[in-house]
Amino acid sequence: MTSFDELARVSFEIIASVGMARSSYIEAIQEAKAGNFDRARALVDEGGESFLGGHDAHTALVQAEAGGERTEMGLLLTHAEDQLMSAEAFGILSTEFIALYERIDRLEKRLDIQDSSESE
């Protein structure tokens, strides 16, 4: 059985890693909105690297339980898993938003449309 201290350490590792990932994904969306597509893609890549740290820690818990080691579910681990799932969703959405903003940018350039916020 995993000790409470070890489980807390792993939970905080997951929370910290995927929190950094989610922040990178959100920043990537903002960069894409501003037209900085190369920077946006770089931030998605950075987020992916951070996400892997949390995912790997979570996978180790799953593998330990699959091997017969009982894991006590508590609020901290539940929060860590919630943050993991949230970051994963932001990662998927960030790539979709970048693609959409690139498409909008191409269409605006083709139609020579300026962003209404630029004229204000």
N, C-alpha and C. Protein backbone atom coordinates (compact mmCIF):
# COMPACT_ATOMS: atom_id res chain seq x y z
N MET A 1 0.85 -1.20 0.00
CA MET A 1 0.00 0.00 0.00
C MET A 1 0.88 1.25 0.00
N THR A 2 0.52 2.20 -0.83
CA THR A 2 1.24 3.47 -0.91
C THR A 2 0.95 4.28 0.35
N SER A 3 2.01 4.81 0.97
CA SER A 3 1.81 5.61 2.18
C SER A 3 1.14 6.93 1.83
N PHE A 4 0.52 7.54 2.83
CA PHE A 4 -0.13 8.83 2.62
C PHE A 4 0.87 9.86 2.13
N ASP A 5 2.07 9.88 2.73
CA ASP A 5 3.08 10.86 2.33
C ASP A 5 3.50 10.68 0.87
N GLU A 6 3.67 9.42 0.45
CA GLU A 6 4.05 9.14 -0.93
C GLU A 6 2.92 9.53 -1.88
N LEU A 7 1.70 9.20 -1.50
CA LEU A 7 0.55 9.55 -2.32
C LEU A 7 0.39 11.07 -2.43
N ALA A 8 0.63 11.77 -1.34
CA ALA A 8 0.57 13.23 -1.36
C ALA A 8 1.65 13.79 -2.27
N ARG A 9 2.86 13.24 -2.19
CA ARG A 9 3.95 13.71 -3.04
C ARG A 9 3.61 13.52 -4.51
N VAL A 10 3.11 12.34 -4.85
CA VAL A 10 2.75 12.06 -6.24
C VAL A 10 1.59 12.97 -6.68
N SER A 11 0.62 13.16 -5.82
CA SER A 11 -0.51 14.04 -6.15
C SER A 11 -0.04 15.45 -6.44
N PHE A 12 0.85 15.97 -5.59
CA PHE A 12 1.36 17.32 -5.82
C PHE A 12 2.23 17.39 -7.08
N GLU A 13 2.93 16.31 -7.39
CA GLU A 13 3.71 16.25 -8.63
C GLU A 13 2.77 16.35 -9.84
N ILE A 14 1.68 15.62 -9.78
CA ILE A 14 0.69 15.68 -10.86
C ILE A 14 0.11 17.08 -10.96
N ILE A 15 -0.32 17.64 -9.85
CA ILE A 15 -0.95 18.96 -9.83
C ILE A 15 0.00 20.02 -10.38
N ALA A 16 1.24 20.00 -9.95
CA ALA A 16 2.21 21.01 -10.40
C ALA A 16 2.49 20.87 -11.89
N SER A 17 2.72 19.65 -12.34
CA SER A 17 3.06 19.43 -13.75
C SER A 17 1.92 19.81 -14.68
N VAL A 18 0.74 19.32 -14.38
CA VAL A 18 -0.38 19.60 -15.28
C VAL A 18 -0.87 21.04 -15.14
N GLY A 19 -0.64 21.65 -14.00
CA GLY A 19 -0.97 23.07 -13.84
C GLY A 19 -0.11 23.93 -14.76
N MET A 20 1.18 23.59 -14.84
CA MET A 20 2.07 24.31 -15.75
C MET A 20 1.64 24.06 -17.19
N ALA A 21 1.25 22.84 -17.49
CA ALA A 21 0.80 22.51 -18.84
C ALA A 21 -0.43 23.32 -19.21
N ARG A 22 -1.40 23.34 -18.31
CA ARG A 22 -2.64 24.08 -18.59
C ARG A 22 -2.35 25.56 -18.82
N SER A 23 -1.46 26.13 -18.03
CA SER A 23 -1.09 27.53 -18.22
C SER A 23 -0.46 27.75 -19.59
N SER A 24 0.40 26.83 -20.01
CA SER A 24 1.01 26.95 -21.35
C SER A 24 -0.04 26.86 -22.44
N TYR A 25 -1.00 25.96 -22.28
CA TYR A 25 -2.06 25.81 -23.28
C TYR A 25 -2.91 27.07 -23.37
N ILE A 26 -3.25 27.65 -22.24
CA ILE A 26 -4.05 28.88 -22.24
C ILE A 26 -3.27 30.02 -22.87
N GLU A 27 -1.99 30.12 -22.54
CA GLU A 27 -1.15 31.15 -23.15
C GLU A 27 -1.03 30.94 -24.66
N ALA A 28 -0.99 29.68 -25.07
CA ALA A 28 -0.91 29.37 -26.50
C ALA A 28 -2.14 29.89 -27.24
N ILE A 29 -3.30 29.71 -26.64
CA ILE A 29 -4.54 30.22 -27.25
C ILE A 29 -4.48 31.73 -27.37
N GLN A 30 -3.99 32.40 -26.33
CA GLN A 30 -3.88 33.86 -26.36
C GLN A 30 -2.90 34.32 -27.43
N GLU A 31 -1.79 33.61 -27.57
CA GLU A 31 -0.80 33.95 -28.60
C GLU A 31 -1.39 33.75 -29.99
N ALA A 32 -2.13 32.67 -30.18
CA ALA A 32 -2.77 32.44 -31.48
C ALA A 32 -3.78 33.54 -31.79
N LYS A 33 -4.52 33.94 -30.79
CA LYS A 33 -5.50 35.02 -30.98
C LYS A 33 -4.80 36.30 -31.44
N ALA A 34 -3.58 36.51 -30.93
CA ALA A 34 -2.80 37.70 -31.30
C ALA A 34 -2.07 37.52 -32.63
N GLY A 35 -2.19 36.33 -33.24
CA GLY A 35 -1.55 36.09 -34.52
C GLY A 35 -0.14 35.54 -34.43
N ASN A 36 0.30 35.20 -33.24
CA ASN A 36 1.65 34.68 -33.02
C ASN A 36 1.62 33.14 -33.05
N PHE A 37 1.46 32.59 -34.23
CA PHE A 37 1.21 31.16 -34.37
C PHE A 37 2.42 30.29 -34.04
N ASP A 38 3.61 30.73 -34.40
CA ASP A 38 4.80 29.96 -34.06
C ASP A 38 4.97 29.88 -32.54
N ARG A 39 4.78 31.01 -31.88
CA ARG A 39 4.88 31.04 -30.42
C ARG A 39 3.79 30.17 -29.80
N ALA A 40 2.60 30.21 -30.36
CA ALA A 40 1.48 29.40 -29.85
C ALA A 40 1.81 27.92 -29.93
N ARG A 41 2.35 27.49 -31.07
CA ARG A 41 2.70 26.07 -31.22
C ARG A 41 3.83 25.68 -30.27
N ALA A 42 4.77 26.58 -30.07
CA ALA A 42 5.87 26.31 -29.12
C ALA A 42 5.32 26.14 -27.70
N LEU A 43 4.34 26.95 -27.35
CA LEU A 43 3.73 26.84 -26.02
C LEU A 43 2.95 25.54 -25.86
N VAL A 44 2.31 25.09 -26.92
CA VAL A 44 1.62 23.79 -26.87
C VAL A 44 2.65 22.69 -26.64
N ASP A 45 3.79 22.78 -27.33
CA ASP A 45 4.85 21.79 -27.13
C ASP A 45 5.37 21.81 -25.70
N GLU A 46 5.60 23.02 -25.15
CA GLU A 46 6.04 23.14 -23.76
C GLU A 46 5.00 22.54 -22.82
N GLY A 47 3.74 22.85 -23.09
CA GLY A 47 2.67 22.30 -22.27
C GLY A 47 2.65 20.78 -22.32
N GLY A 48 2.88 20.24 -23.50
CA GLY A 48 2.91 18.80 -23.66
C GLY A 48 4.00 18.14 -22.83
N GLU A 49 5.16 18.79 -22.78
CA GLU A 49 6.26 18.26 -21.97
C GLU A 49 5.90 18.29 -20.48
N SER A 50 5.31 19.39 -20.03
CA SER A 50 4.90 19.48 -18.63
C SER A 50 3.82 18.46 -18.32
N PHE A 51 2.87 18.32 -19.25
CA PHE A 51 1.78 17.38 -19.05
C PHE A 51 2.31 15.96 -18.87
N LEU A 52 3.32 15.60 -19.64
CA LEU A 52 3.87 14.24 -19.54
C LEU A 52 4.38 13.92 -18.15
N GLY A 53 4.93 14.91 -17.46
CA GLY A 53 5.39 14.68 -16.09
C GLY A 53 4.25 14.25 -15.19
N GLY A 54 3.14 14.92 -15.28
CA GLY A 54 1.97 14.57 -14.48
C GLY A 54 1.35 13.26 -14.94
N HIS A 55 1.30 13.06 -16.23
CA HIS A 55 0.73 11.83 -16.78
C HIS A 55 1.57 10.62 -16.36
N ASP A 56 2.88 10.76 -16.42
CA ASP A 56 3.75 9.65 -16.03
C ASP A 56 3.58 9.31 -14.55
N ALA A 57 3.46 10.33 -13.70
CA ALA A 57 3.26 10.08 -12.27
C ALA A 57 1.93 9.36 -12.04
N HIS A 58 0.91 9.77 -12.76
CA HIS A 58 -0.40 9.14 -12.63
C HIS A 58 -0.35 7.71 -13.15
N THR A 59 0.32 7.51 -14.26
CA THR A 59 0.45 6.17 -14.83
C THR A 59 1.14 5.22 -13.86
N ALA A 60 2.14 5.72 -13.15
CA ALA A 60 2.82 4.88 -12.16
C ALA A 60 1.86 4.42 -11.07
N LEU A 61 0.95 5.29 -10.65
CA LEU A 61 -0.06 4.90 -9.66
C LEU A 61 -0.99 3.84 -10.22
N VAL A 62 -1.41 4.03 -11.45
CA VAL A 62 -2.32 3.06 -12.09
C VAL A 62 -1.63 1.71 -12.23
N GLN A 63 -0.39 1.73 -12.65
CA GLN A 63 0.36 0.47 -12.81
C GLN A 63 0.56 -0.23 -11.47
N ALA A 64 0.84 0.54 -10.43
CA ALA A 64 1.01 -0.05 -9.10
C ALA A 64 -0.28 -0.71 -8.64
N GLU A 65 -1.39 -0.05 -8.87
CA GLU A 65 -2.67 -0.64 -8.47
C GLU A 65 -2.99 -1.87 -9.32
N ALA A 66 -2.68 -1.81 -10.59
CA ALA A 66 -2.89 -2.97 -11.45
C ALA A 66 -2.04 -4.16 -10.99
N GLY A 67 -0.91 -3.86 -10.36
CA GLY A 67 -0.03 -4.89 -9.83
C GLY A 67 -0.41 -5.36 -8.44
N GLY A 68 -1.54 -4.88 -7.93
CA GLY A 68 -2.03 -5.33 -6.64
C GLY A 68 -1.81 -4.38 -5.48
N GLU A 69 -1.13 -3.27 -5.73
CA GLU A 69 -0.89 -2.29 -4.66
C GLU A 69 -2.09 -1.37 -4.54
N ARG A 70 -2.74 -1.40 -3.43
CA ARG A 70 -3.95 -0.60 -3.20
C ARG A 70 -3.61 0.88 -3.08
N THR A 71 -4.40 1.74 -3.71
CA THR A 71 -4.24 3.19 -3.62
C THR A 71 -5.46 3.76 -2.92
N GLU A 72 -5.22 4.48 -1.86
CA GLU A 72 -6.30 5.10 -1.09
C GLU A 72 -6.72 6.39 -1.79
N MET A 73 -7.98 6.43 -2.21
CA MET A 73 -8.48 7.65 -2.86
C MET A 73 -8.85 8.66 -1.77
N GLY A 74 -8.40 9.86 -1.99
CA GLY A 74 -8.73 10.95 -1.08
C GLY A 74 -8.92 12.22 -1.89
N LEU A 75 -9.19 13.28 -1.19
CA LEU A 75 -9.45 14.56 -1.86
C LEU A 75 -8.25 15.02 -2.68
N LEU A 76 -7.05 14.84 -2.17
CA LEU A 76 -5.85 15.31 -2.87
C LEU A 76 -5.65 14.58 -4.18
N LEU A 77 -5.76 13.27 -4.18
CA LEU A 77 -5.60 12.51 -5.42
C LEU A 77 -6.76 12.79 -6.38
N THR A 78 -7.95 12.95 -5.85
CA THR A 78 -9.10 13.29 -6.69
C THR A 78 -8.86 14.63 -7.38
N HIS A 79 -8.34 15.60 -6.62
CA HIS A 79 -8.03 16.91 -7.19
C HIS A 79 -6.95 16.78 -8.27
N ALA A 80 -5.94 15.97 -8.00
CA ALA A 80 -4.86 15.78 -8.97
C ALA A 80 -5.41 15.18 -10.27
N GLU A 81 -6.27 14.20 -10.17
CA GLU A 81 -6.85 13.59 -11.36
C GLU A 81 -7.75 14.58 -12.10
N ASP A 82 -8.48 15.40 -11.36
CA ASP A 82 -9.33 16.42 -11.98
C ASP A 82 -8.47 17.41 -12.76
N GLN A 83 -7.36 17.83 -12.17
CA GLN A 83 -6.46 18.77 -12.83
C GLN A 83 -5.83 18.13 -14.07
N LEU A 84 -5.50 16.84 -13.97
CA LEU A 84 -4.94 16.11 -15.10
C LEU A 84 -5.92 16.11 -16.27
N MET A 85 -7.16 15.79 -15.99
CA MET A 85 -8.18 15.74 -17.04
C MET A 85 -8.44 17.13 -17.62
N SER A 86 -8.44 18.14 -16.78
CA SER A 86 -8.65 19.51 -17.24
C SER A 86 -7.53 19.94 -18.17
N ALA A 87 -6.30 19.65 -17.78
CA ALA A 87 -5.15 20.02 -18.61
C ALA A 87 -5.19 19.28 -19.94
N GLU A 88 -5.57 18.02 -19.91
CA GLU A 88 -5.67 17.25 -21.15
C GLU A 88 -6.68 17.90 -22.10
N ALA A 89 -7.81 18.31 -21.56
CA ALA A 89 -8.83 18.97 -22.38
C ALA A 89 -8.31 20.29 -22.94
N PHE A 90 -7.61 21.08 -22.12
CA PHE A 90 -7.05 22.33 -22.61
C PHE A 90 -6.02 22.08 -23.70
N GLY A 91 -5.25 21.02 -23.58
CA GLY A 91 -4.27 20.69 -24.61
C GLY A 91 -4.94 20.42 -25.94
N ILE A 92 -5.98 19.63 -25.91
CA ILE A 92 -6.72 19.32 -27.14
C ILE A 92 -7.35 20.59 -27.71
N LEU A 93 -7.98 21.37 -26.85
CA LEU A 93 -8.64 22.59 -27.32
C LEU A 93 -7.65 23.62 -27.83
N SER A 94 -6.47 23.69 -27.22
CA SER A 94 -5.50 24.69 -27.67
C SER A 94 -5.08 24.44 -29.11
N THR A 95 -4.88 23.19 -29.49
CA THR A 95 -4.51 22.92 -30.88
C THR A 95 -5.66 23.25 -31.83
N GLU A 96 -6.88 23.02 -31.38
CA GLU A 96 -8.04 23.36 -32.20
C GLU A 96 -8.17 24.88 -32.35
N PHE A 97 -7.98 25.61 -31.25
CA PHE A 97 -8.07 27.07 -31.31
C PHE A 97 -6.99 27.66 -32.21
N ILE A 98 -5.78 27.11 -32.13
CA ILE A 98 -4.71 27.61 -32.99
C ILE A 98 -5.09 27.42 -34.45
N ALA A 99 -5.58 26.24 -34.78
CA ALA A 99 -6.00 25.97 -36.17
C ALA A 99 -7.11 26.93 -36.60
N LEU A 100 -8.05 27.20 -35.72
CA LEU A 100 -9.14 28.13 -36.05
C LEU A 100 -8.63 29.55 -36.25
N TYR A 101 -7.76 30.00 -35.34
CA TYR A 101 -7.22 31.35 -35.48
C TYR A 101 -6.36 31.49 -36.74
N GLU A 102 -5.64 30.43 -37.10
CA GLU A 102 -4.88 30.46 -38.36
C GLU A 102 -5.81 30.56 -39.55
N ARG A 103 -6.90 29.82 -39.50
CA ARG A 103 -7.87 29.86 -40.60
C ARG A 103 -8.51 31.24 -40.70
N ILE A 104 -8.88 31.80 -39.57
CA ILE A 104 -9.46 33.15 -39.56
C ILE A 104 -8.45 34.15 -40.13
N ASP A 105 -7.19 34.01 -39.72
CA ASP A 105 -6.15 34.92 -40.19
C ASP A 105 -6.01 34.83 -41.71
N ARG A 106 -5.98 33.61 -42.24
CA ARG A 106 -5.87 33.43 -43.69
C ARG A 106 -7.08 34.03 -44.41
N LEU A 107 -8.27 33.81 -43.88
CA LEU A 107 -9.48 34.35 -44.50
C LEU A 107 -9.49 35.88 -44.46
N GLU A 108 -9.09 36.43 -43.32
CA GLU A 108 -9.05 37.89 -43.21
C GLU A 108 -8.06 38.48 -44.19
N LYS A 109 -6.91 37.83 -44.34
CA LYS A 109 -5.91 38.33 -45.29
C LYS A 109 -6.43 38.22 -46.71
N ARG A 110 -7.12 37.14 -47.00
CA ARG A 110 -7.68 36.95 -48.34
C ARG A 110 -8.76 38.00 -48.62
N LEU A 111 -9.56 38.31 -47.62
CA LEU A 111 -10.64 39.28 -47.79
C LEU A 111 -10.24 40.69 -47.41
N ASP A 112 -8.98 40.83 -46.93
CA ASP A 112 -8.45 42.11 -46.49
C ASP A 112 -9.33 42.74 -45.42
N ILE A 113 -9.67 41.95 -44.45
CA ILE A 113 -10.49 42.41 -43.32
C ILE A 113 -9.59 42.66 -42.13
N GLN A 114 -9.82 43.79 -41.49
CA GLN A 114 -9.06 44.08 -40.28
C GLN A 114 -9.88 43.72 -39.07
N ASP A 115 -9.20 43.35 -38.02
CA ASP A 115 -9.84 43.06 -36.74
C ASP A 115 -10.50 44.34 -36.25
N SER A 116 -11.75 44.25 -35.83
CA SER A 116 -12.49 45.43 -35.38
C SER A 116 -11.84 46.09 -34.18
N SER A 117 -11.11 45.34 -33.37
CA SER A 117 -10.46 45.92 -32.20
C SER A 117 -9.28 46.79 -32.61
N GLU A 118 -8.71 46.55 -33.79
CA GLU A 118 -7.60 47.36 -34.27
C GLU A 118 -8.06 48.76 -34.69
N SER A 119 -9.30 48.89 -35.11
CA SER A 119 -9.78 50.18 -35.59
C SER A 119 -10.35 51.03 -34.47
N GLU A 120 -10.46 50.45 -33.29
CA GLU A 120 -11.05 51.21 -32.16
C GLU A 120 -10.00 51.99 -31.44
